[in-house]
Amino acid sequence: MKLRLAAALVLAPLPALAQAPAGQIPPAQVTEIGDHFAKYREQNPTLGMVYVVIKDGKPALSAMVGTQTPGGAPVTLDTRFRIASMSKAFTALAILKLRDDGKLRLDDLAETHIPEMRGWTYPTSDSPRIRIRDLLAHVGGMVTDDPWGDRQQVLSEAQFSAMIAQGVPWSRTGGMAHEYSNYGYALLGRIITNASGEPYQAYVGRTILAPLGMTATTYDIAQVPRDTFALGYRWEDEKWVAEPELRDGAFGAMGGMITTANDYAKWIGFLLSAWPPRDGAETGPVKRATVREMVQGLNFVRTGPRRAAPEGDKCIVATAYGMGMRITSDCDLGTALEHGGGYPGYGSYVVLAPERGIAAFAFTNKTYTAPAVPVWQSLWSLAKGVAAEPRATPLNPLLAQMHDAARAAYAAGDVKPLDGKLAMNFLLDRDAAHWRTEFARIKGVVGDCPTAEPLQPTGNLSVNFRWNCTKGKLNGQILLAPTNPPTIQALRFAPRRN
């Protein structure tokens, strides 16, 4: 309590959201999102904070509160913050780009690209040697190294080489469990350097940051103008105490990036632009399919309730680590990409919901203060309204034709209208006579079904439907077979009486 009251004396009140283009987000949700962040900051005092909500690839809401230093200039959308482990997504995408360019393979042994690893002794004689893929997914067997890893930022390349050559103590045999490793992502930085022929900072800058116009983003603190830098602080002994300003070094691939809200919004807009899959020219620095590859949760799913969900929330989420992002299957948002950043003097968090085309992130300049709760809550608020509807799966016209034939078969009480549209298994699984019996049984429950609701495709070869019947509803599914042309392998019904 004493900390909260003392900190409140030096904190500015949270203002109304500064930018909210008309029509993008309803006013009630604008207020609700602002309340989420205000409550968070009341409970977790921070010196400065900026947050942004992205919709359709561009900022839809943003707010800045507090100062870059105690009593100093206010934070803005152009204030530089360290984003710590949110840097890992840039490292992962750089690895994937090198893979696309034929410079490496994800199943390459890491030691192929880092000679200093070749002398490592593994924990058991049957331990697998670490692949690039294992480093991306944190399954190499190295120990979780927060917060030790943050302090290795400043290592020179020579010091890092010597560290690698010494080997590591093992937490476990590789491939047995997910265990978050900053060291592992620092090794990915060295792989980028060796595979590309230039320092990983230069490679990321040239191939990703520059094409996206992220001109204010860097790994090198020496390049950041002092008047735009949010200095990092911790709250200690009833006052703000400056954290050391760690220079750029060999460990930066795990968490060394410095950026602005305006620049980071360009990155988030680019990631979201990879959805949905579509025809058309590639316009980003990395292929859309490659960006989507980052969301493949490759290992060791964990389940549990949603953090800070509303009272009575029954959603159980599943989370796995993809490549530079955690991947969560959320009941309201669908597939979500998330990651936090904790660092001496900084905390940050980002969540993307690509199936709805929305994202939110926040930066602070207080040690290990990652505002995950209000970021998640902001997207849940958007999902409740009409401003961020899930993107509809396109309807394959062939499915509409098959649906019409299925309706005709039901009306006739016979599969005859489906002639020429059935896969070879269909009548083996239930012959025509038994289908007539089944149609009669269902009609006895719900009656005739004169109208149908809009189709709900679940893929290019499957669709759910609902028919309005005289005595109830008839839900069903059509599933096509992988034949050319596609034919019906399954027709399923679930009648429901009024």
Protein backbone atom coordinates (compact mmCIF):
# COMPACT_ATOMS: atom_id res chain seq x y z
CA MET A 1 0.00 0.00 0.00
CA LYS A 2 2.80 2.40 0.87
CA LEU A 3 4.39 1.86 -2.55
CA ARG A 4 1.11 2.47 -4.35
CA LEU A 5 0.35 5.71 -2.49
CA ALA A 6 3.84 7.07 -2.88
CA ALA A 7 4.00 6.20 -6.55
CA ALA A 8 0.63 7.77 -7.18
CA LEU A 9 2.05 11.12 -6.11
CA VAL A 10 4.30 11.22 -9.17
CA LEU A 11 1.93 9.69 -11.71
CA ALA A 12 -0.28 11.67 -14.04
CA PRO A 13 -3.92 10.59 -14.36
CA LEU A 14 -4.73 8.45 -17.35
CA PRO A 15 -6.15 10.70 -20.09
CA ALA A 16 -8.92 9.93 -22.53
CA LEU A 17 -7.76 7.98 -25.54
CA ALA A 18 -5.92 10.36 -27.79
CA GLN A 19 -6.74 8.91 -31.21
CA ALA A 20 -9.96 7.09 -32.00
CA PRO A 21 -10.97 7.49 -35.67
CA ALA A 22 -14.72 7.88 -35.96
CA GLY A 23 -16.62 4.69 -36.64
CA GLN A 24 -13.74 2.30 -36.07
CA ILE A 25 -14.56 1.41 -32.47
CA PRO A 26 -17.84 2.21 -30.69
CA PRO A 27 -17.53 4.90 -27.95
CA ALA A 28 -18.58 2.48 -25.21
CA GLN A 29 -15.69 0.17 -26.05
CA VAL A 30 -13.29 3.10 -26.28
CA THR A 31 -14.22 3.96 -22.70
CA GLU A 32 -14.04 0.34 -21.58
CA ILE A 33 -10.54 -0.12 -23.00
CA GLY A 34 -9.39 3.08 -21.34
CA ASP A 35 -10.78 1.83 -18.04
CA HIS A 36 -8.84 -1.44 -18.36
CA PHE A 37 -5.54 0.43 -18.61
CA ALA A 38 -6.47 2.97 -15.94
CA LYS A 39 -7.26 0.19 -13.48
CA TYR A 40 -4.03 -1.60 -14.32
CA ARG A 41 -1.95 1.51 -13.77
CA GLU A 42 -3.71 2.23 -10.50
CA GLN A 43 -2.76 -1.24 -9.27
CA ASN A 44 0.68 -1.26 -10.90
CA PRO A 45 2.09 2.28 -10.84
CA THR A 46 4.37 3.01 -13.77
CA LEU A 47 6.41 6.02 -14.64
CA GLY A 48 5.37 6.12 -18.30
CA MET A 49 3.11 3.98 -20.46
CA VAL A 50 1.91 3.98 -24.04
CA TYR A 51 -0.64 1.61 -25.52
CA VAL A 52 -2.11 1.09 -28.96
CA VAL A 53 -4.99 -0.94 -30.37
CA ILE A 54 -4.60 -2.00 -34.01
CA LYS A 55 -7.54 -2.71 -36.30
CA ASP A 56 -7.37 -3.52 -40.01
CA GLY A 57 -3.62 -2.99 -39.99
CA LYS A 58 -3.58 0.53 -38.51
CA PRO A 59 -3.83 2.15 -35.07
CA ALA A 60 -7.47 2.58 -34.04
CA LEU A 61 -6.87 3.70 -30.44
CA SER A 62 -3.83 4.99 -28.62
CA ALA A 63 -2.97 6.70 -25.37
CA MET A 64 0.14 8.03 -23.70
CA VAL A 65 0.45 8.62 -19.98
CA GLY A 66 3.28 9.58 -17.67
CA THR A 67 6.79 10.72 -18.40
CA GLN A 68 10.06 9.56 -19.93
CA THR A 69 11.90 10.41 -16.70
CA PRO A 70 10.68 11.51 -13.25
CA GLY A 71 9.33 15.00 -13.79
CA GLY A 72 10.55 14.97 -17.40
CA ALA A 73 8.95 15.11 -20.83
CA PRO A 74 5.70 13.21 -21.35
CA VAL A 75 5.81 9.96 -23.28
CA THR A 76 4.48 10.07 -26.84
CA LEU A 77 3.91 7.64 -29.67
CA ASP A 78 7.46 8.52 -30.79
CA THR A 79 9.11 7.84 -27.43
CA ARG A 80 11.67 5.03 -27.60
CA PHE A 81 11.15 2.07 -25.28
CA ARG A 82 13.02 -1.18 -24.92
CA ILE A 83 10.66 -4.05 -25.75
CA ALA A 84 12.84 -6.82 -24.33
CA SER A 85 11.68 -10.33 -25.29
CA MET A 86 9.18 -9.01 -27.82
CA SER A 87 12.39 -8.75 -29.87
CA LYS A 88 12.34 -12.53 -30.25
CA ALA A 89 9.68 -12.42 -32.97
CA PHE A 90 12.04 -10.37 -35.17
CA THR A 91 14.79 -12.91 -34.57
CA ALA A 92 12.48 -15.80 -35.43
CA LEU A 93 11.26 -14.17 -38.63
CA ALA A 94 14.84 -13.41 -39.66
CA ILE A 95 15.67 -17.11 -39.26
CA LEU A 96 12.65 -18.05 -41.39
CA LYS A 97 13.64 -15.54 -44.05
CA LEU A 98 17.13 -17.06 -44.21
CA ARG A 99 15.45 -20.44 -44.58
CA ASP A 100 13.32 -19.08 -47.44
CA ASP A 101 16.50 -17.79 -49.11
CA GLY A 102 18.21 -21.19 -48.86
CA LYS A 103 20.84 -20.08 -46.32
CA LEU A 104 19.80 -22.64 -43.69
CA ARG A 105 17.25 -25.31 -42.83
CA LEU A 106 15.26 -25.45 -39.62
CA ASP A 107 16.38 -29.04 -39.09
CA ASP A 108 20.05 -28.09 -39.40
CA LEU A 109 22.04 -28.81 -36.26
CA ALA A 110 22.79 -25.48 -34.60
CA GLU A 111 26.46 -26.47 -34.47
CA THR A 112 26.50 -26.49 -38.27
CA HIS A 113 26.30 -22.71 -38.11
CA ILE A 114 28.00 -22.19 -34.71
CA PRO A 115 31.30 -24.12 -34.65
CA GLU A 116 31.83 -23.36 -30.94
CA MET A 117 28.91 -25.70 -30.12
CA ARG A 118 30.52 -28.77 -31.67
CA GLY A 119 32.33 -29.72 -28.49
CA TRP A 120 29.26 -29.63 -26.26
CA THR A 121 28.65 -32.63 -24.01
CA TYR A 122 24.96 -33.47 -23.84
CA PRO A 123 23.21 -34.66 -20.64
CA THR A 124 22.69 -38.27 -21.76
CA SER A 125 24.19 -40.49 -24.41
CA ASP A 126 20.84 -40.59 -26.22
CA SER A 127 20.22 -36.82 -26.12
CA PRO A 128 19.43 -35.26 -29.50
CA ARG A 129 21.79 -32.56 -30.66
CA ILE A 130 20.15 -29.15 -30.79
CA ARG A 131 18.56 -28.11 -34.09
CA ILE A 132 17.67 -24.58 -35.14
CA ARG A 133 14.02 -25.60 -34.78
CA ASP A 134 14.63 -26.53 -31.12
CA LEU A 135 16.07 -23.10 -30.34
CA LEU A 136 13.08 -21.36 -31.96
CA ALA A 137 10.65 -23.38 -29.82
CA HIS A 138 12.67 -23.38 -26.55
CA VAL A 139 12.98 -27.16 -26.38
CA GLY A 140 16.76 -27.55 -26.47
CA GLY A 141 17.05 -28.54 -22.80
CA MET A 142 18.67 -25.33 -21.52
CA VAL A 143 17.47 -23.80 -18.27
CA THR A 144 15.01 -20.91 -18.04
CA ASP A 145 17.29 -17.89 -17.66
CA ASP A 146 15.13 -14.94 -16.71
CA PRO A 147 16.49 -12.63 -15.36
CA TRP A 148 20.12 -13.73 -15.85
CA GLY A 149 19.81 -13.50 -19.62
CA ASP A 150 18.84 -9.82 -19.54
CA ARG A 151 22.19 -8.89 -18.00
CA GLN A 152 24.11 -10.69 -20.78
CA GLN A 153 22.92 -8.10 -23.32
CA VAL A 154 26.26 -6.32 -23.24
CA LEU A 155 28.51 -9.31 -24.05
CA SER A 156 30.88 -8.76 -26.94
CA GLU A 157 30.91 -11.27 -29.77
CA ALA A 158 34.27 -12.56 -28.55
CA GLN A 159 32.96 -13.02 -25.01
CA PHE A 160 29.90 -14.82 -26.36
CA SER A 161 32.09 -17.12 -28.45
CA ALA A 162 34.08 -18.03 -25.35
CA MET A 163 30.87 -18.66 -23.41
CA ILE A 164 29.52 -20.95 -26.12
CA ALA A 165 32.75 -22.90 -26.32
CA GLN A 166 32.52 -23.68 -22.57
CA GLY A 167 29.24 -25.52 -23.10
CA VAL A 168 26.21 -25.31 -20.83
CA PRO A 169 24.84 -27.14 -17.81
CA TRP A 170 21.61 -28.86 -18.79
CA SER A 171 18.20 -28.47 -17.24
CA ARG A 172 16.90 -31.56 -19.01
CA THR A 173 17.37 -33.73 -22.08
CA GLY A 174 16.36 -31.80 -25.17
CA GLY A 175 12.99 -32.37 -26.78
CA MET A 176 11.33 -33.42 -23.51
CA ALA A 177 9.62 -30.15 -22.48
CA HIS A 178 9.33 -26.46 -23.24
CA GLU A 179 11.72 -24.35 -21.17
CA TYR A 180 12.16 -20.69 -22.09
CA SER A 181 15.75 -19.84 -22.97
CA ASN A 182 17.18 -16.41 -23.68
CA TYR A 183 20.52 -18.10 -24.29
CA GLY A 184 18.85 -20.10 -27.06
CA TYR A 185 17.65 -16.97 -28.85
CA ALA A 186 21.09 -15.39 -28.46
CA LEU A 187 22.40 -18.48 -30.28
CA LEU A 188 19.83 -17.79 -33.03
CA GLY A 189 21.32 -14.32 -33.33
CA ARG A 190 24.74 -15.87 -33.89
CA ILE A 191 23.24 -18.19 -36.52
CA ILE A 192 21.75 -15.19 -38.33
CA THR A 193 25.15 -13.51 -38.27
CA ASN A 194 27.00 -16.53 -39.61
CA ALA A 195 24.41 -17.57 -42.18
CA SER A 196 23.87 -14.06 -43.57
CA GLY A 197 27.46 -12.87 -43.47
CA GLU A 198 26.57 -9.70 -41.53
CA PRO A 199 25.78 -8.90 -37.88
CA TYR A 200 22.28 -10.01 -36.97
CA GLN A 201 21.39 -6.42 -36.08
CA ALA A 202 22.32 -5.28 -39.59
CA TYR A 203 20.49 -8.20 -41.21
CA VAL A 204 17.25 -7.56 -39.30
CA GLY A 205 17.56 -3.85 -40.01
CA ARG A 206 18.19 -4.27 -43.74
CA THR A 207 15.70 -7.03 -44.49
CA ILE A 208 12.81 -6.32 -42.09
CA LEU A 209 12.97 -2.92 -40.37
CA ALA A 210 13.95 -0.77 -43.37
CA PRO A 211 11.32 -2.25 -45.76
CA LEU A 212 8.64 -1.61 -43.12
CA GLY A 213 9.73 1.99 -42.61
CA MET A 214 10.71 1.37 -39.00
CA THR A 215 13.32 4.11 -39.05
CA ALA A 216 13.18 4.82 -35.31
CA THR A 217 13.88 1.19 -34.34
CA THR A 218 17.35 0.02 -33.40
CA TYR A 219 19.33 -2.32 -31.18
CA ASP A 220 21.96 0.33 -30.39
CA ILE A 221 21.14 2.60 -27.46
CA ALA A 222 23.85 4.97 -28.61
CA GLN A 223 21.73 5.79 -31.67
CA VAL A 224 18.69 6.87 -29.63
CA PRO A 225 18.24 10.64 -29.17
CA ARG A 226 18.14 11.39 -25.45
CA ASP A 227 15.13 13.66 -25.72
CA THR A 228 12.98 10.82 -27.11
CA PHE A 229 14.17 7.99 -24.86
CA ALA A 230 12.08 6.60 -21.99
CA LEU A 231 14.75 5.83 -19.44
CA GLY A 232 14.23 2.64 -17.49
CA TYR A 233 13.42 2.80 -13.75
CA ARG A 234 12.53 0.60 -10.83
CA TRP A 235 10.62 1.72 -7.71
CA GLU A 236 12.93 1.30 -4.71
CA ASP A 237 13.16 2.95 -1.28
CA GLU A 238 10.09 5.09 -2.05
CA LYS A 239 11.61 6.64 -5.15
CA TRP A 240 12.32 6.00 -8.81
CA VAL A 241 15.81 4.56 -9.30
CA ALA A 242 17.37 4.52 -12.77
CA GLU A 243 18.39 1.13 -14.14
CA PRO A 244 21.72 0.74 -15.98
CA GLU A 245 21.47 1.60 -19.67
CA LEU A 246 22.78 -1.62 -21.16
CA ARG A 247 24.57 -1.17 -24.45
CA ASP A 248 24.02 -3.32 -27.52
CA GLY A 249 25.82 -6.65 -27.56
CA ALA A 250 25.84 -10.27 -28.63
CA PHE A 251 22.74 -11.26 -26.61
CA GLY A 252 20.52 -8.62 -28.20
CA ALA A 253 18.72 -11.10 -30.44
CA MET A 254 16.86 -12.33 -27.37
CA GLY A 255 15.70 -8.91 -26.19
CA GLY A 256 17.70 -5.89 -27.32
CA MET A 257 15.33 -3.98 -29.59
CA ILE A 258 14.41 -0.35 -28.92
CA THR A 259 11.39 1.03 -30.76
CA THR A 260 8.46 3.45 -30.67
CA ALA A 261 4.73 2.80 -30.61
CA ASN A 262 4.43 4.29 -34.09
CA ASP A 263 7.16 2.02 -35.47
CA TYR A 264 5.93 -1.09 -33.66
CA ALA A 265 2.44 -0.53 -35.03
CA LYS A 266 3.92 -0.92 -38.53
CA TRP A 267 5.36 -4.30 -37.50
CA ILE A 268 2.03 -5.45 -36.08
CA GLY A 269 0.19 -4.26 -39.17
CA PHE A 270 2.60 -6.25 -41.33
CA LEU A 271 2.10 -9.43 -39.29
CA LEU A 272 -1.69 -9.10 -39.41
CA SER A 273 -1.54 -8.57 -43.18
CA ALA A 274 -0.55 -12.24 -43.61
CA TRP A 275 -4.16 -13.18 -42.86
CA PRO A 276 -6.28 -14.38 -44.51
CA PRO A 277 -4.41 -16.54 -47.07
CA ARG A 278 -5.16 -15.19 -50.54
CA ASP A 279 -4.02 -14.74 -54.10
CA GLY A 280 -2.04 -11.65 -55.01
CA ALA A 281 1.43 -10.17 -54.98
CA GLU A 282 3.64 -10.26 -51.91
CA THR A 283 4.10 -6.73 -50.58
CA GLY A 284 6.01 -7.33 -47.34
CA PRO A 285 9.66 -8.09 -46.61
CA VAL A 286 8.82 -11.74 -45.81
CA LYS A 287 6.26 -13.99 -47.49
CA ARG A 288 2.79 -14.15 -45.96
CA ALA A 289 2.99 -17.92 -45.64
CA THR A 290 6.26 -17.56 -43.74
CA VAL A 291 4.68 -15.12 -41.28
CA ARG A 292 1.81 -17.54 -40.72
CA GLU A 293 4.35 -20.28 -40.00
CA MET A 294 5.29 -18.43 -36.82
CA VAL A 295 1.95 -19.39 -35.24
CA GLN A 296 2.45 -23.12 -35.45
CA GLY A 297 2.51 -24.20 -31.81
CA LEU A 298 5.18 -26.83 -32.14
CA ASN A 299 5.46 -28.26 -28.66
CA PHE A 300 4.02 -29.07 -25.26
CA VAL A 301 0.59 -27.48 -25.03
CA ARG A 302 -0.46 -26.08 -21.66
CA THR A 303 -4.07 -25.49 -20.66
CA GLY A 304 -5.70 -23.34 -18.03
CA PRO A 305 -8.17 -20.52 -17.34
CA ARG A 306 -7.72 -17.12 -18.92
CA ARG A 307 -5.76 -14.60 -16.90
CA ALA A 308 -7.92 -11.72 -15.59
CA ALA A 309 -10.99 -13.00 -17.40
CA PRO A 310 -14.42 -11.73 -16.29
CA GLU A 311 -16.00 -13.35 -13.26
CA GLY A 312 -17.71 -16.58 -14.21
CA ASP A 313 -15.63 -16.99 -17.36
CA LYS A 314 -15.57 -20.67 -18.32
CA CYS A 315 -13.04 -20.47 -21.15
CA ILE A 316 -10.08 -22.84 -20.86
CA VAL A 317 -7.28 -21.86 -23.20
CA ALA A 318 -4.48 -23.92 -24.72
CA THR A 319 -1.07 -22.33 -25.22
CA ALA A 320 2.10 -23.51 -26.93
CA TYR A 321 5.25 -21.77 -28.13
CA GLY A 322 5.50 -21.20 -31.87
CA MET A 323 8.42 -19.20 -33.25
CA GLY A 324 9.11 -16.02 -31.32
CA MET A 325 5.48 -15.95 -30.18
CA ARG A 326 3.29 -17.92 -27.80
CA ILE A 327 0.19 -19.24 -29.52
CA THR A 328 -3.08 -19.36 -27.60
CA SER A 329 -6.43 -20.75 -28.70
CA ASP A 330 -8.81 -18.22 -27.14
CA CYS A 331 -12.58 -18.76 -26.87
CA ASP A 332 -13.39 -15.20 -28.05
CA LEU A 333 -10.45 -14.30 -30.29
CA GLY A 334 -9.61 -17.61 -31.95
CA THR A 335 -5.92 -18.10 -32.64
CA ALA A 336 -3.93 -15.46 -30.77
CA LEU A 337 -0.22 -14.62 -30.88
CA GLU A 338 1.18 -13.20 -27.66
CA HIS A 339 4.46 -12.30 -26.02
CA GLY A 340 5.70 -10.20 -23.18
CA GLY A 341 8.91 -8.33 -22.62
CA GLY A 342 10.56 -7.91 -19.22
CA TYR A 343 13.83 -6.05 -18.77
CA PRO A 344 15.61 -3.93 -16.15
CA GLY A 345 13.65 -0.70 -16.47
CA TYR A 346 11.00 -1.90 -18.93
CA GLY A 347 7.93 -4.07 -19.41
CA SER A 348 5.82 -4.65 -22.52
CA TYR A 349 3.15 -6.95 -23.93
CA VAL A 350 1.50 -7.69 -27.27
CA VAL A 351 -1.45 -9.83 -28.39
CA LEU A 352 -2.57 -10.33 -32.00
CA ALA A 353 -5.88 -11.91 -33.05
CA PRO A 354 -5.35 -12.35 -36.81
CA GLU A 355 -8.68 -14.09 -37.41
CA ARG A 356 -10.37 -10.85 -36.32
CA GLY A 357 -7.75 -8.46 -37.73
CA ILE A 358 -7.04 -6.82 -34.36
CA ALA A 359 -4.10 -6.47 -31.98
CA ALA A 360 -3.06 -4.48 -28.94
CA PHE A 361 0.27 -3.70 -27.29
CA ALA A 362 1.64 -1.60 -24.45
CA PHE A 363 5.08 -0.37 -23.40
CA THR A 364 6.20 0.85 -19.95
CA ASN A 365 9.49 2.10 -18.52
CA LYS A 366 9.29 0.30 -15.18
CA THR A 367 11.27 -2.86 -14.41
CA TYR A 368 9.45 -6.06 -15.37
CA THR A 369 6.05 -4.37 -15.53
CA ALA A 370 4.41 -6.08 -18.50
CA PRO A 371 0.75 -4.94 -18.88
CA ALA A 372 -0.56 -8.27 -20.13
CA VAL A 373 -3.93 -8.02 -18.38
CA PRO A 374 -5.27 -4.82 -19.99
CA VAL A 375 -3.89 -5.82 -23.39
CA TRP A 376 -5.90 -9.06 -23.30
CA GLN A 377 -8.94 -7.27 -21.86
CA SER A 378 -8.85 -4.70 -24.66
CA LEU A 379 -9.16 -7.36 -27.33
CA TRP A 380 -11.91 -9.17 -25.44
CA SER A 381 -13.79 -5.85 -25.33
CA LEU A 382 -13.47 -5.51 -29.09
CA ALA A 383 -14.53 -9.11 -29.65
CA LYS A 384 -17.77 -8.48 -27.75
CA GLY A 385 -18.90 -5.82 -30.21
CA VAL A 386 -19.43 -5.49 -33.93
CA ALA A 387 -16.16 -3.62 -34.52
CA ALA A 388 -14.07 -6.79 -34.78
CA GLU A 389 -16.15 -9.61 -36.17
CA PRO A 390 -14.32 -12.85 -37.06
CA ARG A 391 -13.29 -12.97 -40.68
CA ALA A 392 -15.68 -15.24 -42.54
CA THR A 393 -14.34 -18.33 -44.29
CA PRO A 394 -15.12 -17.93 -48.03
CA LEU A 395 -17.83 -20.26 -49.31
CA ASN A 396 -16.73 -22.62 -52.06
CA PRO A 397 -19.54 -22.48 -54.68
CA LEU A 398 -19.30 -26.25 -54.98
CA LEU A 399 -20.37 -26.57 -51.34
CA ALA A 400 -23.44 -24.48 -52.07
CA GLN A 401 -24.31 -26.84 -54.94
CA MET A 402 -23.84 -29.90 -52.73
CA HIS A 403 -26.00 -28.30 -50.07
CA ASP A 404 -28.80 -27.71 -52.58
CA ALA A 405 -28.58 -31.37 -53.62
CA ALA A 406 -28.70 -32.48 -49.97
CA ARG A 407 -31.85 -30.41 -49.42
CA ALA A 408 -33.42 -32.01 -52.49
CA ALA A 409 -32.52 -35.47 -51.19
CA TYR A 410 -34.08 -34.75 -47.82
CA ALA A 411 -37.23 -33.38 -49.44
CA ALA A 412 -37.47 -36.49 -51.67
CA GLY A 413 -36.66 -38.84 -48.81
CA ASP A 414 -34.12 -40.55 -51.07
CA VAL A 415 -30.48 -40.14 -52.12
CA LYS A 416 -31.40 -40.10 -55.80
CA PRO A 417 -30.81 -36.29 -56.11
CA LEU A 418 -27.21 -36.94 -54.97
CA ASP A 419 -26.39 -39.18 -57.96
CA GLY A 420 -22.99 -38.28 -59.38
CA LYS A 421 -22.07 -36.28 -56.26
CA LEU A 422 -21.20 -39.10 -53.85
CA ALA A 423 -17.77 -40.44 -52.98
CA MET A 424 -17.26 -44.18 -53.31
CA ASN A 425 -17.55 -44.73 -49.56
CA PHE A 426 -20.89 -42.97 -49.08
CA LEU A 427 -23.29 -45.81 -49.94
CA LEU A 428 -20.92 -48.40 -48.47
CA ASP A 429 -21.24 -46.68 -45.11
CA ARG A 430 -25.06 -46.55 -45.36
CA ASP A 431 -26.90 -47.91 -48.39
CA ALA A 432 -29.78 -46.19 -50.19
CA ALA A 433 -32.48 -48.18 -48.39
CA HIS A 434 -31.14 -47.24 -44.98
CA TRP A 435 -30.84 -43.60 -46.05
CA ARG A 436 -34.55 -43.66 -46.89
CA THR A 437 -35.21 -45.00 -43.39
CA GLU A 438 -33.01 -42.30 -41.87
CA PHE A 439 -34.70 -39.47 -43.79
CA ALA A 440 -38.10 -40.77 -42.62
CA ARG A 441 -36.90 -40.93 -39.01
CA ILE A 442 -35.61 -37.36 -39.05
CA LYS A 443 -38.79 -36.06 -40.68
CA GLY A 444 -40.71 -37.71 -37.87
CA VAL A 445 -38.76 -35.53 -35.43
CA VAL A 446 -38.61 -32.12 -37.18
CA GLY A 447 -40.87 -32.45 -40.24
CA ASP A 448 -40.28 -30.78 -43.59
CA CYS A 449 -37.62 -28.07 -43.76
CA PRO A 450 -38.72 -25.38 -46.22
CA THR A 451 -35.99 -22.80 -45.52
CA ALA A 452 -32.29 -22.76 -44.69
CA GLU A 453 -30.09 -20.33 -42.79
CA PRO A 454 -26.85 -18.97 -44.30
CA LEU A 455 -24.18 -21.62 -44.73
CA GLN A 456 -21.20 -21.69 -42.38
CA PRO A 457 -18.15 -23.02 -44.22
CA THR A 458 -15.48 -24.55 -41.98
CA GLY A 459 -12.98 -24.97 -44.79
CA ASN A 460 -12.89 -25.18 -48.55
CA LEU A 461 -14.31 -28.72 -48.49
CA SER A 462 -16.67 -28.67 -45.49
CA VAL A 463 -19.72 -26.69 -44.45
CA ASN A 464 -22.17 -26.59 -41.56
CA PHE A 465 -25.82 -25.85 -42.22
CA ARG A 466 -29.08 -25.29 -40.35
CA TRP A 467 -32.53 -25.81 -41.82
CA ASN A 468 -35.74 -24.32 -40.45
CA CYS A 469 -38.32 -27.11 -40.16
CA THR A 470 -41.99 -27.27 -39.26
CA LYS A 471 -41.32 -28.90 -35.90
CA GLY A 472 -37.79 -27.72 -35.10
CA LYS A 473 -34.31 -27.21 -36.54
CA LEU A 474 -32.08 -29.55 -38.48
CA ASN A 475 -28.35 -28.96 -38.05
CA GLY A 476 -25.90 -30.75 -40.29
CA GLN A 477 -22.57 -30.97 -42.04
CA ILE A 478 -21.38 -31.78 -45.53
CA LEU A 479 -17.83 -33.10 -45.82
CA LEU A 480 -16.27 -33.52 -49.26
CA ALA A 481 -13.66 -36.14 -50.14
CA PRO A 482 -10.15 -35.34 -51.46
CA THR A 483 -11.04 -36.41 -54.99
CA ASN A 484 -11.05 -34.57 -58.30
CA PRO A 485 -13.72 -33.43 -58.61
CA PRO A 486 -14.59 -33.35 -54.88
CA THR A 487 -17.56 -35.54 -53.91
CA ILE A 488 -19.56 -36.02 -50.72
CA GLN A 489 -17.94 -38.44 -48.30
CA ALA A 490 -20.24 -37.66 -45.34
CA LEU A 491 -23.66 -36.07 -44.81
CA ARG A 492 -24.49 -35.67 -41.12
CA PHE A 493 -27.73 -34.58 -39.46
CA ALA A 494 -28.62 -33.54 -35.90
CA PRO A 495 -32.36 -32.85 -35.57
CA ARG A 496 -33.67 -30.66 -32.76
CA ARG A 497 -37.38 -30.49 -31.98
CA ASN A 498 -38.93 -27.18 -30.89
